[in-house]
Amino acid sequence: MLLFVQCSCTPWCNTHEPHAVLSSGKKGYSIALRTGPGIKECNRIIESIEHFYGHLEIEASGSLGLCSVEYKEDLENRKGEIKDFCSRILGCYLHKPLS
């Protein structure tokens, strides 16, 4: 499954005026999951996602590229990496003071 959102058709895109503004401080995290073996293609997907984060004024705060994944079993040897990535995301929010 491929999911791609064209943000320029949203009221929040900063490429046209006037545009609605998301509240500040939003962070975006990107994950590219591919069946192909090349990390270069994962990086291109992540760069595209982060480009659109910019148009939405969302801070790109982390990414993870996973290649050669055809079945869920293919992720077994990557569990540590995936858990670390998720922990970094949760850590940003769990250690943030409540307002």
C-alpha atoms as a PDB file:
ATOM      1  CA  MET A   1       0.000   0.000   0.000  1.00  0.00           C
ATOM      2  CA  LEU A   2       1.274   3.435  -0.847  1.00  0.00           C
ATOM      3  CA  LEU A   3      -0.049   6.481   0.940  1.00  0.00           C
ATOM      4  CA  PHE A   4       0.754   9.910  -0.369  1.00  0.00           C
ATOM      5  CA  VAL A   5      -0.997  13.099   0.621  1.00  0.00           C
ATOM      6  CA  GLN A   6      -0.770  16.185  -1.562  1.00  0.00           C
ATOM      7  CA  CYS A   7      -0.849  18.941   1.029  1.00  0.00           C
ATOM      8  CA  SER A   8      -1.259  21.788  -1.464  1.00  0.00           C
ATOM      9  CA  CYS A   9      -4.952  20.966  -1.670  1.00  0.00           C
ATOM     10  CA  THR A  10      -5.394  21.417   2.072  1.00  0.00           C
ATOM     11  CA  PRO A  11      -6.257  24.716   3.755  1.00  0.00           C
ATOM     12  CA  TRP A  12      -3.063  24.394   5.865  1.00  0.00           C
ATOM     13  CA  CYS A  13      -0.525  24.444   3.012  1.00  0.00           C
ATOM     14  CA  ASN A  14       1.722  27.509   3.156  1.00  0.00           C
ATOM     15  CA  THR A  15       2.158  27.690  -0.623  1.00  0.00           C
ATOM     16  CA  HIS A  16      -0.939  29.830  -1.050  1.00  0.00           C
ATOM     17  CA  GLU A  17      -2.491  32.658   0.874  1.00  0.00           C
ATOM     18  CA  PRO A  18      -4.463  32.910   2.916  1.00  0.00           C
ATOM     19  CA  HIS A  19      -3.873  29.584   4.603  1.00  0.00           C
ATOM     20  CA  ALA A  20      -4.981  28.183   7.912  1.00  0.00           C
ATOM     21  CA  VAL A  21      -2.179  27.622  10.390  1.00  0.00           C
ATOM     22  CA  LEU A  22      -1.655  24.515  12.473  1.00  0.00           C
ATOM     23  CA  SER A  23      -0.755  25.227  16.065  1.00  0.00           C
ATOM     24  CA  SER A  24       3.001  25.526  16.446  1.00  0.00           C
ATOM     25  CA  GLY A  25       5.240  22.792  17.764  1.00  0.00           C
ATOM     26  CA  LYS A  26       3.924  19.927  15.639  1.00  0.00           C
ATOM     27  CA  LYS A  27       6.464  17.186  14.954  1.00  0.00           C
ATOM     28  CA  GLY A  28       6.343  14.678  12.139  1.00  0.00           C
ATOM     29  CA  TYR A  29       7.903  11.240  11.937  1.00  0.00           C
ATOM     30  CA  SER A  30       8.286   9.285   8.701  1.00  0.00           C
ATOM     31  CA  ILE A  31       8.525   5.573   8.053  1.00  0.00           C
ATOM     32  CA  ALA A  32       9.192   4.093   4.618  1.00  0.00           C
ATOM     33  CA  LEU A  33       8.557   0.373   4.288  1.00  0.00           C
ATOM     34  CA  ARG A  34       9.533  -1.301   1.010  1.00  0.00           C
ATOM     35  CA  THR A  35       9.785  -4.785  -0.417  1.00  0.00           C
ATOM     36  CA  GLY A  36      12.755  -3.699  -2.550  1.00  0.00           C
ATOM     37  CA  PRO A  37      16.318  -3.899  -1.220  1.00  0.00           C
ATOM     38  CA  GLY A  38      17.492  -0.307  -1.802  1.00  0.00           C
ATOM     39  CA  ILE A  39      17.619   2.181   1.082  1.00  0.00           C
ATOM     40  CA  LYS A  40      18.085   4.939  -1.512  1.00  0.00           C
ATOM     41  CA  GLU A  41      14.429   4.589  -2.546  1.00  0.00           C
ATOM     42  CA  CYS A  42      13.325   4.635   1.118  1.00  0.00           C
ATOM     43  CA  ASN A  43      15.260   7.869   1.560  1.00  0.00           C
ATOM     44  CA  ARG A  44      13.528   9.416  -1.479  1.00  0.00           C
ATOM     45  CA  ILE A  45      10.128   8.544   0.016  1.00  0.00           C
ATOM     46  CA  ILE A  46      11.121  10.002   3.386  1.00  0.00           C
ATOM     47  CA  GLU A  47      12.451  13.173   1.729  1.00  0.00           C
ATOM     48  CA  SER A  48       9.108  13.626  -0.053  1.00  0.00           C
ATOM     49  CA  ILE A  49       7.175  13.228   3.182  1.00  0.00           C
ATOM     50  CA  GLU A  50       9.465  15.673   4.974  1.00  0.00           C
ATOM     51  CA  HIS A  51       9.135  18.147   2.091  1.00  0.00           C
ATOM     52  CA  PHE A  52       5.381  18.241   2.626  1.00  0.00           C
ATOM     53  CA  TYR A  53       5.860  18.519   6.390  1.00  0.00           C
ATOM     54  CA  GLY A  54       7.657  21.765   5.544  1.00  0.00           C
ATOM     55  CA  HIS A  55       4.646  23.073   3.616  1.00  0.00           C
ATOM     56  CA  LEU A  56       2.485  22.303   6.628  1.00  0.00           C
ATOM     57  CA  GLU A  57       5.048  23.907   8.962  1.00  0.00           C
ATOM     58  CA  ILE A  58       5.571  20.625  10.803  1.00  0.00           C
ATOM     59  CA  GLU A  59       9.054  19.906  12.137  1.00  0.00           C
ATOM     60  CA  ALA A  60      10.514  16.724  10.628  1.00  0.00           C
ATOM     61  CA  SER A  61      11.804  14.997  13.741  1.00  0.00           C
ATOM     62  CA  GLY A  62      12.802  11.503  12.752  1.00  0.00           C
ATOM     63  CA  SER A  63      12.581   8.824  10.118  1.00  0.00           C
ATOM     64  CA  LEU A  64      13.038   5.122   9.620  1.00  0.00           C
ATOM     65  CA  GLY A  65      13.568   3.260   6.355  1.00  0.00           C
ATOM     66  CA  LEU A  66      12.899  -0.467   6.238  1.00  0.00           C
ATOM     67  CA  CYS A  67      13.785  -2.385   3.063  1.00  0.00           C
ATOM     68  CA  SER A  68      13.351  -5.969   1.870  1.00  0.00           C
ATOM     69  CA  VAL A  69      10.145  -6.389   3.855  1.00  0.00           C
ATOM     70  CA  GLU A  70       7.621  -8.619   2.154  1.00  0.00           C
ATOM     71  CA  TYR A  71       6.193 -10.466   5.132  1.00  0.00           C
ATOM     72  CA  LYS A  72       5.881  -9.506   8.789  1.00  0.00           C
ATOM     73  CA  GLU A  73       8.480 -12.167   9.587  1.00  0.00           C
ATOM     74  CA  ASP A  74      10.991 -10.061   7.631  1.00  0.00           C
ATOM     75  CA  LEU A  75      10.826  -7.524  10.462  1.00  0.00           C
ATOM     76  CA  GLU A  76      11.953  -9.959  13.168  1.00  0.00           C
ATOM     77  CA  ASN A  77      15.610  -8.986  12.895  1.00  0.00           C
ATOM     78  CA  ARG A  78      14.694  -5.274  12.879  1.00  0.00           C
ATOM     79  CA  LYS A  79      12.567  -5.281  16.054  1.00  0.00           C
ATOM     80  CA  GLY A  80      15.238  -3.544  18.124  1.00  0.00           C
ATOM     81  CA  GLU A  81      15.605  -0.759  15.575  1.00  0.00           C
ATOM     82  CA  ILE A  82      11.829  -0.295  15.347  1.00  0.00           C
ATOM     83  CA  LYS A  83      11.429  -0.246  19.140  1.00  0.00           C
ATOM     84  CA  ASP A  84      14.262   2.301  19.464  1.00  0.00           C
ATOM     85  CA  PHE A  85      12.598   4.536  16.885  1.00  0.00           C
ATOM     86  CA  CYS A  86       9.248   4.332  18.688  1.00  0.00           C
ATOM     87  CA  SER A  87      10.928   4.955  22.044  1.00  0.00           C
ATOM     88  CA  ARG A  88      12.549   8.137  20.708  1.00  0.00           C
ATOM     89  CA  ILE A  89       9.138   9.368  19.581  1.00  0.00           C
ATOM     90  CA  LEU A  90       7.446   8.504  22.868  1.00  0.00           C
ATOM     91  CA  GLY A  91      10.380   9.908  24.845  1.00  0.00           C
ATOM     92  CA  CYS A  92       9.833  13.320  23.282  1.00  0.00           C
ATOM     93  CA  TYR A  93       6.290  13.357  24.602  1.00  0.00           C
ATOM     94  CA  LEU A  94       6.634  11.496  27.886  1.00  0.00           C
ATOM     95  CA  HIS A  95       9.316  13.867  29.188  1.00  0.00           C
ATOM     96  CA  LYS A  96       7.508  16.999  28.087  1.00  0.00           C
ATOM     97  CA  PRO A  97       5.985  18.992  30.951  1.00  0.00           C
ATOM     98  CA  LEU A  98       2.210  19.054  30.977  1.00  0.00           C
ATOM     99  CA  SER A  99       0.718  22.444  30.286  1.00  0.00           C
END
